[in-house]
Amino acid sequence: MNNTVQGRIHAFRIAELQECLEFLGMRKTGRKAELQQRLLALFADSAALMDSGHEPRDQWRVDKARRIIEDVYSRMNGLPLVSSGSSSP
């Protein structure tokens, strides 16, 4: 997993974590650590498959999650959005 993405997930408040999870269609209730773990697990599962030489079937979802996390982080810090087009949250 990319350390930048991991750092951004850990920097999020509960509201940002819930926003990311909602955009991904994932459950958004629970404690902060649980919300963080849900997002981190998405990337860890993908990384484990890639490490074993397999392409994840839902790589599009991992890419979408990465874009959402970058956009939410940018908005949280008042930075320009990274994503463009219809994939932005």
Protein backbone atom coordinates (compact mmCIF):
# COMPACT_ATOMS: atom_id res chain seq x y z
CA MET A 1 0.00 0.00 0.00
CA ASN A 2 1.10 3.51 -0.76
CA ASN A 3 2.35 5.28 2.39
CA THR A 4 0.80 8.53 1.18
CA VAL A 5 -2.67 6.99 1.05
CA GLN A 6 -2.14 5.37 4.44
CA GLY A 7 -1.02 8.69 5.93
CA ARG A 8 -4.03 10.48 4.49
CA ILE A 9 -6.41 7.88 5.93
CA HIS A 10 -4.82 8.31 9.36
CA ALA A 11 -5.06 12.11 9.05
CA PHE A 12 -8.81 12.05 8.40
CA ARG A 13 -11.38 12.91 11.02
CA ILE A 14 -14.45 10.71 11.35
CA ALA A 15 -16.43 12.93 8.96
CA GLU A 16 -13.85 12.49 6.17
CA LEU A 17 -13.61 8.75 6.77
CA GLN A 18 -17.39 8.43 6.57
CA GLU A 19 -17.45 10.51 3.39
CA CYS A 20 -14.91 8.22 1.71
CA LEU A 21 -16.73 5.09 2.82
CA GLU A 22 -20.07 6.47 1.63
CA PHE A 23 -18.67 7.25 -1.83
CA LEU A 24 -17.38 3.67 -1.99
CA GLY A 25 -20.69 2.18 -0.90
CA MET A 26 -19.18 0.77 2.28
CA ARG A 27 -20.60 0.78 5.81
CA LYS A 28 -19.79 4.11 7.45
CA THR A 29 -20.69 3.46 11.08
CA GLY A 30 -18.27 2.61 13.86
CA ARG A 31 -15.36 4.05 15.75
CA LYS A 32 -12.61 5.98 14.02
CA ALA A 33 -10.19 3.04 14.11
CA GLU A 34 -12.81 0.77 12.54
CA LEU A 35 -13.49 3.25 9.75
CA GLN A 36 -9.77 3.60 9.08
CA GLN A 37 -9.35 -0.16 9.05
CA ARG A 38 -12.14 -0.57 6.49
CA LEU A 39 -10.39 1.77 4.07
CA LEU A 40 -6.94 0.35 4.76
CA ALA A 41 -8.21 -3.21 4.22
CA LEU A 42 -9.32 -2.31 0.71
CA PHE A 43 -5.75 -1.41 -0.20
CA ALA A 44 -4.13 -4.24 1.77
CA ASP A 45 -6.21 -6.89 -0.02
CA SER A 46 -5.27 -5.43 -3.39
CA ALA A 47 -1.57 -5.23 -2.48
CA ALA A 48 -1.54 -8.86 -1.30
CA LEU A 49 -2.99 -10.04 -4.60
CA MET A 50 -0.52 -7.98 -6.62
CA ASP A 51 2.39 -9.24 -4.52
CA SER A 52 1.38 -12.80 -5.38
CA GLY A 53 1.32 -11.95 -9.10
CA HIS A 54 -2.43 -11.59 -9.53
CA GLU A 55 -4.38 -8.59 -10.75
CA PRO A 56 -7.29 -7.75 -8.41
CA ARG A 57 -10.68 -8.18 -10.10
CA ASP A 58 -11.85 -4.92 -8.60
CA GLN A 59 -8.76 -2.82 -9.30
CA TRP A 60 -11.13 -0.10 -10.54
CA ARG A 61 -12.50 0.12 -6.99
CA VAL A 62 -9.03 0.52 -5.50
CA ASP A 63 -8.24 3.24 -8.05
CA LYS A 64 -11.55 4.94 -7.30
CA ALA A 65 -10.84 4.76 -3.56
CA ARG A 66 -7.42 6.32 -4.09
CA ARG A 67 -8.97 9.22 -6.07
CA ILE A 68 -11.68 9.75 -3.47
CA ILE A 69 -9.16 9.78 -0.63
CA GLU A 70 -6.96 12.28 -2.49
CA ASP A 71 -9.94 14.54 -3.23
CA VAL A 72 -11.31 14.44 0.32
CA TYR A 73 -7.82 15.12 1.71
CA SER A 74 -7.32 18.03 -0.67
CA ARG A 75 -10.71 19.52 0.20
CA MET A 76 -10.01 19.06 3.92
CA ASN A 77 -6.78 21.04 3.58
CA GLY A 78 -8.04 23.65 1.11
CA LEU A 79 -5.92 22.32 -1.76
CA PRO A 80 -7.00 21.98 -5.40
CA LEU A 81 -8.72 18.68 -6.21
CA VAL A 82 -6.51 15.99 -7.73
CA SER A 83 -9.19 14.13 -9.69
CA SER A 84 -10.98 15.45 -12.71
CA GLY A 85 -14.09 14.52 -14.61
CA SER A 86 -17.01 12.47 -13.40
CA SER A 87 -14.98 10.37 -10.97
CA SER A 88 -14.71 13.21 -8.46
CA PRO A 89 -16.89 12.91 -5.37
